[in-house]
């Protein structure tokens, strides 16, 4: 079964300095049908105005992934980390027993565009930690998050993997899905079809009870593919 989560059907909040689209229930947006998907709890696509951002605020017992699409994030946290995360980089933070952090648009002239993704960890009370990485630009599949940091990926404390796929127009790929596993595909850009279901920029596909996926790119495209545990 494949369900298309259309971009324009997501929750939406425009605060002036922040234009945010919520795939799952978040803040004042609530939809009982979209509380999360397996270990995924939040997928927010944010556009943050120049010089603006989120002041210091707390998190606990969550794996928080940021993927910067355009601009640069200025990050600071209670673990002592101060870092810039430019476009194309991924940042992972385990909130664990508790952490505070702030995120600002480092530019005074250009908007910041990013995805922030929250993943429920397998266990509570982990030691907080921080990591970020720029991955080589490759065509095809590339692991971004894995439980064992395989192939140079970032570690995540959950039974899941996140792959980034980059396609040229006309490319295709086949993916085998393990028994009982769930898959979420977030289309970062371009037009793709998955087992014949078309999706475009910022759309998503919730997939269950499929053993094989055939992904076809109808344009230059990029997707994030989450292979997730059963619920």
N, C-alpha and C. Protein backbone atom coordinates (compact mmCIF):
# COMPACT_ATOMS: atom_id res chain seq x y z
N UNK A 1 0.84 -1.18 0.00
CA UNK A 1 0.00 0.00 0.00
C UNK A 1 0.88 1.24 0.00
N UNK A 2 0.56 2.19 -0.86
CA UNK A 2 1.30 3.45 -0.93
C UNK A 2 0.31 4.60 -0.80
N UNK A 3 0.56 5.47 0.18
CA UNK A 3 -0.30 6.63 0.40
C UNK A 3 0.49 7.89 0.07
N UNK A 4 -0.09 8.75 -0.77
CA UNK A 4 0.56 10.00 -1.15
C UNK A 4 0.16 11.10 -0.17
N UNK A 5 1.16 11.65 0.52
CA UNK A 5 0.95 12.81 1.40
C UNK A 5 1.34 14.05 0.60
N UNK A 6 0.37 14.73 0.02
CA UNK A 6 0.64 15.87 -0.84
C UNK A 6 1.17 17.05 -0.03
N UNK A 7 2.11 17.77 -0.63
CA UNK A 7 2.76 18.88 0.07
C UNK A 7 1.75 19.90 0.57
N UNK A 8 0.77 20.23 -0.26
CA UNK A 8 -0.16 21.28 0.10
C UNK A 8 -1.19 20.85 1.14
N UNK A 9 -1.23 19.57 1.46
CA UNK A 9 -2.15 19.07 2.48
C UNK A 9 -1.52 19.03 3.87
N UNK A 10 -0.24 19.36 3.97
CA UNK A 10 0.42 19.39 5.27
C UNK A 10 -0.10 20.56 6.11
N UNK A 11 0.16 20.49 7.40
CA UNK A 11 -0.12 21.63 8.24
C UNK A 11 0.78 22.80 7.86
N UNK A 12 0.27 24.01 8.01
CA UNK A 12 1.03 25.19 7.58
C UNK A 12 0.92 26.29 8.61
N UNK A 13 2.05 26.89 8.95
CA UNK A 13 2.07 28.03 9.86
C UNK A 13 3.04 29.07 9.31
N UNK A 14 2.54 30.28 9.09
CA UNK A 14 3.40 31.38 8.63
C UNK A 14 3.44 32.44 9.72
N UNK A 15 4.61 32.57 10.36
CA UNK A 15 4.78 33.51 11.46
C UNK A 15 5.50 34.78 11.02
N UNK A 16 5.60 34.97 9.70
CA UNK A 16 6.35 36.12 9.19
C UNK A 16 7.82 35.79 9.03
N UNK A 17 8.51 35.63 10.14
CA UNK A 17 9.93 35.26 10.09
C UNK A 17 10.13 33.78 9.79
N UNK A 18 9.08 32.98 10.03
CA UNK A 18 9.14 31.53 9.83
C UNK A 18 7.93 31.07 9.02
N UNK A 19 8.21 30.41 7.90
CA UNK A 19 7.17 29.78 7.09
C UNK A 19 7.41 28.27 7.19
N UNK A 20 6.50 27.56 7.85
CA UNK A 20 6.75 26.17 8.21
C UNK A 20 5.62 25.27 7.76
N UNK A 21 6.00 24.13 7.16
CA UNK A 21 5.04 23.10 6.73
C UNK A 21 5.27 21.86 7.57
N UNK A 22 4.19 21.35 8.18
CA UNK A 22 4.28 20.23 9.11
C UNK A 22 3.67 18.97 8.48
N UNK A 23 4.50 17.96 8.24
CA UNK A 23 4.01 16.68 7.72
C UNK A 23 3.14 15.98 8.76
N UNK A 24 3.56 16.06 10.03
CA UNK A 24 2.83 15.43 11.14
C UNK A 24 2.38 16.49 12.13
N UNK A 25 1.45 16.12 13.00
CA UNK A 25 0.95 17.05 14.01
C UNK A 25 2.12 17.69 14.76
N UNK A 26 2.04 19.02 14.89
CA UNK A 26 3.15 19.76 15.50
C UNK A 26 2.63 21.11 15.94
N UNK A 27 3.01 21.51 17.16
CA UNK A 27 2.60 22.82 17.70
C UNK A 27 1.08 22.94 17.63
N UNK A 28 0.57 23.98 16.97
CA UNK A 28 -0.89 24.19 16.93
C UNK A 28 -1.58 23.37 15.84
N UNK A 29 -0.79 22.68 14.99
CA UNK A 29 -1.40 21.84 13.95
C UNK A 29 -1.63 20.44 14.52
N UNK A 30 -2.89 19.99 14.44
CA UNK A 30 -3.21 18.65 14.95
C UNK A 30 -4.09 17.92 13.96
N UNK A 31 -3.68 16.71 13.62
CA UNK A 31 -4.48 15.82 12.79
C UNK A 31 -4.26 14.42 13.33
N UNK A 32 -5.30 13.81 13.84
CA UNK A 32 -5.18 12.49 14.46
C UNK A 32 -4.67 11.43 13.50
N UNK A 33 -4.84 11.66 12.20
CA UNK A 33 -4.38 10.71 11.18
C UNK A 33 -2.89 10.86 10.89
N UNK A 34 -2.29 11.95 11.35
CA UNK A 34 -0.88 12.22 11.07
C UNK A 34 -0.15 12.63 12.34
N UNK A 35 0.01 11.64 13.23
CA UNK A 35 0.74 11.85 14.47
C UNK A 35 2.20 11.42 14.35
N UNK A 36 2.53 10.80 13.26
CA UNK A 36 3.87 10.27 13.03
C UNK A 36 3.75 9.03 12.16
N UNK A 37 4.88 8.40 11.90
CA UNK A 37 4.89 7.19 11.07
C UNK A 37 6.04 6.33 11.57
N UNK A 38 5.71 5.20 12.19
CA UNK A 38 6.72 4.36 12.83
C UNK A 38 7.53 5.23 13.79
N UNK A 39 8.86 5.26 13.65
CA UNK A 39 9.70 6.05 14.56
C UNK A 39 9.78 7.52 14.17
N UNK A 40 9.22 7.89 13.03
CA UNK A 40 9.21 9.30 12.63
C UNK A 40 8.15 10.05 13.43
N UNK A 41 8.53 11.15 14.04
CA UNK A 41 7.57 11.95 14.79
C UNK A 41 7.34 13.34 14.18
N UNK A 42 8.37 13.93 13.61
CA UNK A 42 8.27 15.27 13.03
C UNK A 42 9.03 15.32 11.71
N UNK A 43 8.41 15.87 10.69
CA UNK A 43 9.12 16.30 9.48
C UNK A 43 8.60 17.70 9.17
N UNK A 44 9.39 18.70 9.50
CA UNK A 44 9.03 20.08 9.22
C UNK A 44 9.92 20.64 8.13
N UNK A 45 9.30 21.28 7.14
CA UNK A 45 10.05 22.00 6.12
C UNK A 45 9.92 23.49 6.43
N UNK A 46 11.04 24.11 6.79
CA UNK A 46 11.05 25.47 7.28
C UNK A 46 11.80 26.41 6.34
N UNK A 47 11.25 27.61 6.19
CA UNK A 47 11.97 28.71 5.55
C UNK A 47 12.05 29.83 6.58
N UNK A 48 13.28 30.22 6.94
CA UNK A 48 13.52 31.16 8.03
C UNK A 48 14.11 32.44 7.45
N UNK A 49 13.54 33.55 7.83
CA UNK A 49 13.95 34.85 7.30
C UNK A 49 15.38 35.20 7.72
N UNK A 50 16.05 36.08 6.97
CA UNK A 50 17.42 36.49 7.31
C UNK A 50 17.53 37.00 8.75
N UNK A 51 18.56 36.51 9.45
CA UNK A 51 18.84 36.97 10.79
C UNK A 51 17.90 36.46 11.87
N UNK A 52 16.92 35.65 11.49
CA UNK A 52 15.91 35.16 12.44
C UNK A 52 16.18 33.69 12.80
N UNK A 53 15.45 33.21 13.80
CA UNK A 53 15.63 31.81 14.16
C UNK A 53 14.98 31.46 15.48
N UNK A 54 15.34 30.30 16.00
CA UNK A 54 14.78 29.75 17.23
C UNK A 54 15.76 30.01 18.36
N UNK A 55 15.32 30.73 19.39
CA UNK A 55 16.16 30.95 20.55
C UNK A 55 16.40 29.68 21.35
N UNK A 56 17.22 29.77 22.38
CA UNK A 56 17.56 28.59 23.17
C UNK A 56 16.29 27.95 23.74
N UNK A 57 16.14 26.63 23.49
CA UNK A 57 14.96 25.91 23.94
C UNK A 57 15.33 24.45 24.21
N UNK A 58 14.57 23.74 25.03
CA UNK A 58 14.96 22.39 25.45
C UNK A 58 14.37 21.28 24.58
N UNK A 59 15.06 20.15 24.57
CA UNK A 59 14.56 18.90 23.99
C UNK A 59 15.00 17.76 24.90
N UNK A 60 14.26 16.65 24.81
CA UNK A 60 14.61 15.47 25.60
C UNK A 60 14.16 14.21 24.86
N UNK A 61 14.98 13.16 24.90
CA UNK A 61 14.64 11.84 24.37
C UNK A 61 14.11 11.91 22.94
N UNK A 62 14.92 12.52 22.07
CA UNK A 62 14.57 12.58 20.65
C UNK A 62 15.86 12.67 19.84
N UNK A 63 15.89 11.99 18.69
CA UNK A 63 16.96 12.13 17.72
C UNK A 63 16.52 13.23 16.74
N UNK A 64 17.27 14.31 16.65
CA UNK A 64 16.88 15.47 15.85
C UNK A 64 17.85 15.64 14.70
N UNK A 65 17.32 15.52 13.49
CA UNK A 65 18.14 15.63 12.27
C UNK A 65 17.76 16.90 11.53
N UNK A 66 18.75 17.67 11.13
CA UNK A 66 18.54 18.86 10.31
C UNK A 66 19.27 18.68 8.98
N UNK A 67 18.56 18.93 7.90
CA UNK A 67 19.15 18.88 6.57
C UNK A 67 18.95 20.26 5.94
N UNK A 68 20.05 20.94 5.67
CA UNK A 68 20.00 22.30 5.16
C UNK A 68 19.99 22.28 3.63
N UNK A 69 18.94 22.86 3.04
CA UNK A 69 18.79 22.88 1.59
C UNK A 69 19.35 24.15 0.97
N UNK A 70 19.22 25.29 1.67
CA UNK A 70 19.74 26.56 1.18
C UNK A 70 20.05 27.45 2.38
N UNK A 71 21.16 28.15 2.32
CA UNK A 71 21.56 29.01 3.42
C UNK A 71 22.44 28.29 4.42
N UNK A 72 22.58 28.87 5.60
CA UNK A 72 23.45 28.33 6.65
C UNK A 72 22.79 28.48 8.02
N UNK A 73 22.79 27.40 8.80
CA UNK A 73 22.29 27.42 10.17
C UNK A 73 23.43 27.79 11.12
N UNK A 74 23.14 28.70 12.05
CA UNK A 74 24.04 29.01 13.15
C UNK A 74 23.53 28.26 14.37
N UNK A 75 24.30 27.26 14.84
CA UNK A 75 23.86 26.38 15.92
C UNK A 75 24.68 26.62 17.17
N UNK A 76 24.00 26.57 18.33
CA UNK A 76 24.67 26.61 19.63
C UNK A 76 23.87 25.75 20.60
N UNK A 77 24.55 25.01 21.48
CA UNK A 77 23.81 24.15 22.40
C UNK A 77 24.47 24.09 23.77
N UNK A 78 23.75 23.48 24.71
CA UNK A 78 24.21 23.40 26.10
C UNK A 78 25.33 22.39 26.29
N UNK A 79 25.68 21.63 25.25
CA UNK A 79 26.83 20.73 25.30
C UNK A 79 28.12 21.46 24.99
N UNK A 80 28.01 22.74 24.62
CA UNK A 80 29.19 23.53 24.29
C UNK A 80 29.50 23.61 22.81
N UNK A 81 28.63 23.05 21.97
CA UNK A 81 28.85 23.09 20.53
C UNK A 81 28.42 24.43 19.96
N UNK A 82 29.27 25.00 19.12
CA UNK A 82 28.95 26.17 18.31
C UNK A 82 29.39 25.84 16.90
N UNK A 83 28.45 25.86 15.97
CA UNK A 83 28.78 25.40 14.63
C UNK A 83 27.90 26.08 13.60
N UNK A 84 28.40 26.13 12.37
CA UNK A 84 27.59 26.53 11.23
C UNK A 84 27.33 25.29 10.38
N UNK A 85 26.10 25.17 9.91
CA UNK A 85 25.72 24.05 9.07
C UNK A 85 25.27 24.62 7.73
N UNK A 86 26.12 24.57 6.71
CA UNK A 86 25.78 25.16 5.41
C UNK A 86 24.93 24.22 4.56
N UNK A 87 24.39 24.76 3.49
CA UNK A 87 23.56 23.99 2.57
C UNK A 87 24.28 22.72 2.13
N UNK A 88 23.55 21.61 2.14
CA UNK A 88 24.10 20.33 1.74
C UNK A 88 24.57 19.47 2.89
N UNK A 89 24.62 20.04 4.09
CA UNK A 89 25.09 19.26 5.25
C UNK A 89 23.92 18.76 6.10
N UNK A 90 24.21 17.67 6.81
CA UNK A 90 23.27 17.08 7.76
C UNK A 90 23.84 17.23 9.17
N UNK A 91 22.95 17.49 10.12
CA UNK A 91 23.33 17.57 11.53
C UNK A 91 22.42 16.64 12.32
N UNK A 92 23.01 15.84 13.23
CA UNK A 92 22.22 14.97 14.10
C UNK A 92 22.52 15.33 15.55
N UNK A 93 21.48 15.40 16.36
CA UNK A 93 21.64 15.68 17.78
C UNK A 93 20.75 14.72 18.56
N UNK A 94 21.35 13.99 19.49
CA UNK A 94 20.59 13.16 20.42
C UNK A 94 20.27 14.00 21.65
N UNK A 95 18.98 14.30 21.86
CA UNK A 95 18.61 15.11 23.01
C UNK A 95 18.74 14.31 24.31
N UNK A 96 18.43 13.01 24.25
CA UNK A 96 18.67 12.12 25.38
C UNK A 96 18.13 12.64 26.70
N UNK A 97 19.01 12.71 27.72
CA UNK A 97 18.60 13.13 29.05
C UNK A 97 18.24 14.60 29.13
N UNK A 98 18.52 15.35 28.08
CA UNK A 98 18.12 16.75 28.03
C UNK A 98 19.20 17.64 27.45
N UNK A 99 18.81 18.50 26.53
CA UNK A 99 19.75 19.43 25.92
C UNK A 99 18.98 20.68 25.53
N UNK A 100 19.66 21.82 25.51
CA UNK A 100 19.09 23.07 25.04
C UNK A 100 19.90 23.53 23.83
N UNK A 101 19.21 24.09 22.85
CA UNK A 101 19.94 24.57 21.69
C UNK A 101 19.20 25.73 21.04
N UNK A 102 19.93 26.47 20.21
CA UNK A 102 19.35 27.54 19.40
C UNK A 102 19.79 27.34 17.96
N UNK A 103 18.94 27.81 17.04
CA UNK A 103 19.23 27.70 15.61
C UNK A 103 18.80 28.99 14.94
N UNK A 104 19.73 29.64 14.27
CA UNK A 104 19.45 30.90 13.60
C UNK A 104 19.91 30.86 12.15
N UNK A 105 19.28 31.69 11.34
CA UNK A 105 19.75 31.93 9.99
C UNK A 105 21.00 32.80 10.09
N UNK A 106 22.12 32.29 9.62
CA UNK A 106 23.39 33.00 9.75
C UNK A 106 23.51 34.19 8.80
N UNK A 107 22.61 34.28 7.82
CA UNK A 107 22.68 35.35 6.82
C UNK A 107 21.75 36.51 7.20
N UNK A 108 22.17 37.72 6.91
CA UNK A 108 21.33 38.89 7.10
C UNK A 108 20.61 39.30 5.83
N UNK A 109 20.79 38.50 4.76
CA UNK A 109 20.18 38.89 3.47
C UNK A 109 19.45 37.75 2.76
N UNK A 110 19.81 36.50 3.05
CA UNK A 110 19.24 35.37 2.32
C UNK A 110 18.41 34.48 3.25
N UNK A 111 17.33 33.93 2.73
CA UNK A 111 16.49 33.01 3.51
C UNK A 111 17.21 31.69 3.74
N UNK A 112 16.84 31.03 4.81
CA UNK A 112 17.35 29.70 5.16
C UNK A 112 16.24 28.68 4.93
N UNK A 113 16.55 27.60 4.23
CA UNK A 113 15.57 26.56 3.89
C UNK A 113 16.10 25.23 4.41
N UNK A 114 15.32 24.55 5.23
CA UNK A 114 15.80 23.30 5.81
C UNK A 114 14.65 22.35 6.11
N UNK A 115 15.01 21.09 6.28
CA UNK A 115 14.13 20.09 6.87
C UNK A 115 14.62 19.82 8.29
N UNK A 116 13.69 19.80 9.25
CA UNK A 116 14.02 19.29 10.57
C UNK A 116 13.16 18.06 10.83
N UNK A 117 13.83 16.99 11.23
CA UNK A 117 13.20 15.67 11.35
C UNK A 117 13.48 15.13 12.75
N UNK A 118 12.41 14.73 13.44
CA UNK A 118 12.55 14.13 14.76
C UNK A 118 12.26 12.64 14.68
N UNK A 119 13.15 11.86 15.27
CA UNK A 119 13.05 10.40 15.28
C UNK A 119 13.03 9.93 16.74
N UNK A 120 12.06 9.10 17.08
CA UNK A 120 11.96 8.58 18.44
C UNK A 120 13.05 7.52 18.63
N UNK A 121 13.92 7.67 19.63
CA UNK A 121 14.98 6.67 19.84
C UNK A 121 14.44 5.37 20.42
N UNK A 122 15.25 4.33 20.33
CA UNK A 122 14.84 3.02 20.85
C UNK A 122 14.75 3.01 22.37
N UNK A 123 15.51 3.89 23.03
CA UNK A 123 15.47 3.92 24.48
C UNK A 123 15.60 5.35 24.96
N UNK A 124 15.02 5.60 26.13
CA UNK A 124 15.11 6.92 26.74
C UNK A 124 16.39 7.04 27.56
N UNK A 125 16.75 8.27 27.87
CA UNK A 125 17.86 8.51 28.79
C UNK A 125 19.24 8.37 28.19
N UNK A 126 19.35 8.50 26.87
CA UNK A 126 20.67 8.43 26.24
C UNK A 126 21.50 9.66 26.60
N UNK A 127 22.82 9.50 26.51
CA UNK A 127 23.70 10.64 26.72
C UNK A 127 23.58 11.58 25.51
N UNK A 128 23.36 12.87 25.73
CA UNK A 128 23.26 13.80 24.60
C UNK A 128 24.54 13.80 23.78
N UNK A 129 24.39 13.99 22.47
CA UNK A 129 25.57 14.05 21.59
C UNK A 129 25.22 14.84 20.33
N UNK A 130 26.25 15.26 19.62
CA UNK A 130 26.10 16.12 18.44
C UNK A 130 27.07 15.66 17.36
N UNK A 131 26.61 15.70 16.10
CA UNK A 131 27.49 15.40 14.98
C UNK A 131 26.92 16.07 13.74
N UNK A 132 27.77 16.38 12.79
CA UNK A 132 27.31 16.91 11.51
C UNK A 132 28.26 16.45 10.41
N UNK A 133 27.77 16.42 9.18
CA UNK A 133 28.59 15.88 8.09
C UNK A 133 28.11 16.40 6.75
N UNK A 134 29.08 16.66 5.89
CA UNK A 134 28.80 16.88 4.47
C UNK A 134 29.17 15.61 3.73
N UNK A 135 28.23 15.06 2.99
CA UNK A 135 28.45 13.83 2.24
C UNK A 135 28.84 14.17 0.81
N UNK A 136 29.70 13.35 0.24
CA UNK A 136 30.08 13.54 -1.15
C UNK A 136 28.83 13.52 -2.04
N UNK A 137 28.83 14.34 -3.06
CA UNK A 137 27.72 14.34 -4.00
C UNK A 137 27.87 13.15 -4.94
N UNK A 138 26.90 12.25 -4.87
CA UNK A 138 26.94 11.05 -5.70
C UNK A 138 25.58 10.85 -6.34
N UNK A 139 25.58 10.16 -7.46
CA UNK A 139 24.32 9.72 -8.06
C UNK A 139 23.94 8.39 -7.43
N UNK A 140 22.65 8.17 -7.25
CA UNK A 140 22.19 6.92 -6.68
C UNK A 140 22.06 7.01 -5.17
N UNK A 141 22.20 5.88 -4.51
CA UNK A 141 21.89 5.76 -3.08
C UNK A 141 23.10 6.06 -2.20
N UNK A 142 22.83 6.72 -1.08
CA UNK A 142 23.86 7.07 -0.13
C UNK A 142 23.25 7.02 1.27
N UNK A 143 23.85 6.24 2.18
CA UNK A 143 23.36 6.18 3.55
C UNK A 143 23.69 7.47 4.30
N UNK A 144 22.69 8.04 4.97
CA UNK A 144 22.86 9.24 5.79
C UNK A 144 22.80 8.89 7.27
N UNK A 145 21.81 8.10 7.68
CA UNK A 145 21.67 7.64 9.06
C UNK A 145 21.60 6.12 9.08
N UNK A 146 22.34 5.49 9.99
CA UNK A 146 22.24 4.05 10.24
C UNK A 146 22.53 3.80 11.71
N UNK A 147 22.07 2.67 12.27
CA UNK A 147 22.36 2.38 13.69
C UNK A 147 23.82 2.10 13.96
N UNK A 148 24.58 1.68 12.93
CA UNK A 148 25.98 1.30 13.13
C UNK A 148 26.95 2.21 12.38
N UNK A 149 26.48 3.37 11.92
CA UNK A 149 27.32 4.35 11.22
C UNK A 149 28.04 3.73 10.02
N UNK A 150 27.36 2.82 9.33
CA UNK A 150 27.99 2.14 8.21
C UNK A 150 28.26 3.08 7.04
N UNK A 151 29.29 2.75 6.28
CA UNK A 151 29.65 3.46 5.05
C UNK A 151 29.76 4.97 5.25
N UNK A 152 30.26 5.36 6.44
CA UNK A 152 30.50 6.77 6.70
C UNK A 152 29.26 7.56 7.07
N UNK A 153 28.15 6.88 7.35
CA UNK A 153 26.91 7.57 7.70
C UNK A 153 26.97 8.07 9.15
N UNK A 154 26.02 8.93 9.48
CA UNK A 154 25.83 9.37 10.86
C UNK A 154 25.08 8.28 11.64
N UNK A 155 25.38 8.18 12.92
CA UNK A 155 24.72 7.16 13.74
C UNK A 155 23.37 7.67 14.25
N UNK A 156 22.38 6.77 14.28
CA UNK A 156 21.09 7.07 14.86
C UNK A 156 20.73 5.94 15.82
N UNK A 157 20.15 6.28 16.96
CA UNK A 157 19.82 5.27 17.97
C UNK A 157 18.39 4.77 17.76
N UNK A 158 18.20 4.10 16.63
CA UNK A 158 16.91 3.52 16.28
C UNK A 158 17.16 2.47 15.19
N UNK A 159 16.27 1.48 15.13
CA UNK A 159 16.37 0.42 14.13
C UNK A 159 15.82 0.93 12.80
N UNK A 160 16.59 1.78 12.13
CA UNK A 160 16.16 2.40 10.89
C UNK A 160 17.37 2.83 10.08
N UNK A 161 17.15 3.08 8.82
CA UNK A 161 18.17 3.74 8.01
C UNK A 161 17.51 4.88 7.25
N UNK A 162 18.30 5.88 6.96
CA UNK A 162 17.89 6.97 6.07
C UNK A 162 18.88 7.01 4.92
N UNK A 163 18.35 6.90 3.70
CA UNK A 163 19.17 7.00 2.50
C UNK A 163 18.77 8.23 1.71
N UNK A 164 19.76 8.90 1.15
CA UNK A 164 19.49 9.96 0.18
C UNK A 164 19.74 9.39 -1.21
N UNK A 165 18.78 9.58 -2.10
CA UNK A 165 18.92 9.14 -3.48
C UNK A 165 18.90 10.36 -4.39
N UNK A 166 19.86 10.43 -5.30
CA UNK A 166 19.94 11.51 -6.28
C UNK A 166 19.82 10.89 -7.66
N UNK A 167 18.89 11.42 -8.45
CA UNK A 167 18.60 10.86 -9.77
C UNK A 167 18.76 11.91 -10.86
N UNK A 168 19.24 11.48 -12.01
CA UNK A 168 19.08 12.24 -13.23
C UNK A 168 17.74 11.88 -13.85
N UNK A 169 17.23 12.76 -14.69
CA UNK A 169 15.97 12.46 -15.37
C UNK A 169 16.10 11.15 -16.15
N UNK A 170 15.14 10.25 -15.97
CA UNK A 170 15.16 8.95 -16.64
C UNK A 170 15.80 7.84 -15.86
N UNK A 171 16.49 8.17 -14.76
CA UNK A 171 17.08 7.13 -13.91
C UNK A 171 15.99 6.32 -13.21
N UNK A 172 16.33 5.10 -12.83
CA UNK A 172 15.42 4.29 -12.03
C UNK A 172 16.22 3.39 -11.10
N UNK A 173 15.56 2.91 -10.07
CA UNK A 173 16.20 2.03 -9.10
C UNK A 173 15.16 1.12 -8.49
N UNK A 174 15.61 -0.05 -8.04
CA UNK A 174 14.73 -0.99 -7.35
C UNK A 174 15.23 -1.18 -5.92
N UNK A 175 14.30 -1.26 -4.97
CA UNK A 175 14.64 -1.38 -3.56
C UNK A 175 13.84 -2.54 -2.96
N UNK A 176 14.52 -3.49 -2.36
CA UNK A 176 13.84 -4.58 -1.65
C UNK A 176 13.51 -4.11 -0.24
N UNK A 177 12.29 -4.43 0.22
CA UNK A 177 11.83 -4.03 1.54
C UNK A 177 11.70 -5.27 2.42
N UNK A 178 12.31 -5.24 3.58
CA UNK A 178 12.25 -6.38 4.49
C UNK A 178 10.84 -6.63 5.00
N UNK A 179 10.56 -7.86 5.38
CA UNK A 179 9.23 -8.24 5.86
C UNK A 179 8.82 -7.37 7.05
N UNK A 180 7.64 -6.78 6.96
CA UNK A 180 7.11 -5.97 8.05
C UNK A 180 7.65 -4.56 8.14
N UNK A 181 8.66 -4.24 7.34
CA UNK A 181 9.27 -2.91 7.42
C UNK A 181 8.35 -1.86 6.78
N UNK A 182 8.44 -0.65 7.29
CA UNK A 182 7.71 0.48 6.74
C UNK A 182 8.69 1.42 6.06
N UNK A 183 8.21 2.12 5.05
CA UNK A 183 9.07 3.06 4.31
C UNK A 183 8.35 4.39 4.19
N UNK A 184 9.10 5.44 4.43
CA UNK A 184 8.62 6.80 4.17
C UNK A 184 9.58 7.45 3.18
N UNK A 185 9.04 7.98 2.09
CA UNK A 185 9.85 8.69 1.10
C UNK A 185 9.45 10.16 1.10
N UNK A 186 10.42 11.03 1.32
CA UNK A 186 10.21 12.47 1.25
C UNK A 186 10.89 12.97 -0.01
N UNK A 187 10.11 13.61 -0.88
CA UNK A 187 10.68 14.13 -2.13
C UNK A 187 11.26 15.51 -1.85
N UNK A 188 12.58 15.61 -1.89
CA UNK A 188 13.24 16.89 -1.64
C UNK A 188 13.08 17.81 -2.84
N UNK A 189 13.24 17.25 -4.04
CA UNK A 189 13.05 18.06 -5.25
C UNK A 189 12.84 17.14 -6.44
N UNK A 190 12.14 17.65 -7.45
CA UNK A 190 11.94 16.92 -8.68
C UNK A 190 10.67 16.10 -8.69
N UNK A 191 10.56 15.28 -9.72
CA UNK A 191 9.37 14.46 -9.94
C UNK A 191 9.78 13.00 -10.05
N UNK A 192 9.13 12.16 -9.24
CA UNK A 192 9.42 10.72 -9.23
C UNK A 192 8.11 9.95 -9.23
N UNK A 193 8.22 8.66 -9.54
CA UNK A 193 7.10 7.75 -9.30
C UNK A 193 7.64 6.52 -8.59
N UNK A 194 6.83 6.01 -7.66
CA UNK A 194 7.20 4.84 -6.87
C UNK A 194 6.11 3.80 -7.06
N UNK A 195 6.48 2.69 -7.69
CA UNK A 195 5.49 1.66 -8.06
C UNK A 195 4.29 2.27 -8.77
N UNK A 196 4.60 3.26 -9.61
CA UNK A 196 3.56 3.90 -10.42
C UNK A 196 2.87 5.08 -9.78
N UNK A 197 3.13 5.34 -8.48
CA UNK A 197 2.52 6.49 -7.80
C UNK A 197 3.40 7.71 -7.97
N UNK A 198 2.88 8.74 -8.63
CA UNK A 198 3.67 9.94 -8.91
C UNK A 198 3.72 10.85 -7.70
N UNK A 199 4.86 11.52 -7.52
CA UNK A 199 5.04 12.50 -6.45
C UNK A 199 6.02 13.57 -6.93
N UNK A 200 5.87 14.76 -6.36
CA UNK A 200 6.72 15.87 -6.78
C UNK A 200 7.30 16.57 -5.55
N UNK A 201 8.03 17.66 -5.77
CA UNK A 201 8.75 18.35 -4.71
C UNK A 201 7.90 18.57 -3.46
N UNK A 202 8.42 18.15 -2.32
CA UNK A 202 7.82 18.29 -0.99
C UNK A 202 6.66 17.34 -0.71
N UNK A 203 6.24 16.54 -1.70
CA UNK A 203 5.31 15.45 -1.44
C UNK A 203 6.03 14.35 -0.65
N UNK A 204 5.24 13.43 -0.10
CA UNK A 204 5.81 12.27 0.59
C UNK A 204 4.96 11.05 0.30
N UNK A 205 5.54 9.88 0.51
CA UNK A 205 4.87 8.61 0.29
C UNK A 205 5.03 7.74 1.53
N UNK A 206 3.90 7.31 2.10
CA UNK A 206 3.90 6.38 3.22
C UNK A 206 3.65 4.98 2.66
N UNK A 207 4.55 4.05 2.94
CA UNK A 207 4.54 2.75 2.27
C UNK A 207 4.56 1.63 3.29
N UNK A 208 3.61 0.71 3.14
CA UNK A 208 3.58 -0.49 3.98
C UNK A 208 3.10 -1.67 3.15
N UNK A 209 3.44 -2.88 3.59
CA UNK A 209 3.02 -4.12 2.93
C UNK A 209 3.47 -4.18 1.46
N UNK A 210 4.67 -3.66 1.21
CA UNK A 210 5.28 -3.78 -0.11
C UNK A 210 6.62 -4.48 0.06
N UNK A 211 6.94 -5.40 -0.83
CA UNK A 211 8.21 -6.13 -0.74
C UNK A 211 9.27 -5.55 -1.66
N UNK A 212 8.84 -4.77 -2.66
CA UNK A 212 9.77 -4.22 -3.65
C UNK A 212 9.26 -2.85 -4.09
N UNK A 213 10.20 -1.92 -4.22
CA UNK A 213 9.86 -0.60 -4.75
C UNK A 213 10.66 -0.34 -6.01
N UNK A 214 9.97 0.19 -7.01
CA UNK A 214 10.66 0.66 -8.21
C UNK A 214 10.48 2.17 -8.26
N UNK A 215 11.62 2.86 -8.19
CA UNK A 215 11.61 4.32 -8.20
C UNK A 215 12.08 4.80 -9.56
N UNK A 216 11.29 5.65 -10.19
CA UNK A 216 11.62 6.20 -11.50
C UNK A 216 11.61 7.72 -11.41
N UNK A 217 12.63 8.35 -11.97
CA UNK A 217 12.75 9.80 -11.95
C UNK A 217 12.28 10.38 -13.27
N UNK A 218 11.28 11.26 -13.18
CA UNK A 218 10.77 11.92 -14.38
C UNK A 218 11.46 13.25 -14.63
N UNK A 219 12.35 13.64 -13.72
CA UNK A 219 13.18 14.83 -13.86
C UNK A 219 14.39 14.61 -12.97
N UNK A 220 15.34 15.54 -12.98
CA UNK A 220 16.39 15.49 -11.96
C UNK A 220 15.71 15.55 -10.60
N UNK A 221 16.09 14.67 -9.69
CA UNK A 221 15.33 14.55 -8.44
C UNK A 221 16.23 14.12 -7.29
N UNK A 222 15.74 14.39 -6.09
CA UNK A 222 16.38 13.93 -4.86
C UNK A 222 15.29 13.50 -3.89
N UNK A 223 15.48 12.35 -3.26
CA UNK A 223 14.54 11.87 -2.26
C UNK A 223 15.29 11.44 -1.00
N UNK A 224 14.56 11.45 0.12
CA UNK A 224 15.02 10.84 1.36
C UNK A 224 14.16 9.61 1.60
N UNK A 225 14.80 8.45 1.76
CA UNK A 225 14.07 7.20 1.95
C UNK A 225 14.38 6.66 3.35
N UNK A 226 13.33 6.61 4.19
CA UNK A 226 13.44 6.10 5.55
C UNK A 226 12.95 4.66 5.58
N UNK A 227 13.81 3.72 5.95
CA UNK A 227 13.46 2.32 6.15
C UNK A 227 13.24 2.15 7.65
N UNK A 228 12.01 1.87 8.07
CA UNK A 228 11.60 2.01 9.46
C UNK A 228 11.08 0.70 10.05
N UNK A 229 11.15 0.57 11.40
CA UNK A 229 10.68 -0.68 12.02
C UNK A 229 9.17 -0.79 12.03
N UNK A 230 8.66 -2.02 12.15
CA UNK A 230 7.21 -2.22 12.28
C UNK A 230 6.70 -1.55 13.55
N UNK A 231 5.39 -1.28 13.57
CA UNK A 231 4.77 -0.71 14.76
C UNK A 231 3.75 -1.69 15.32
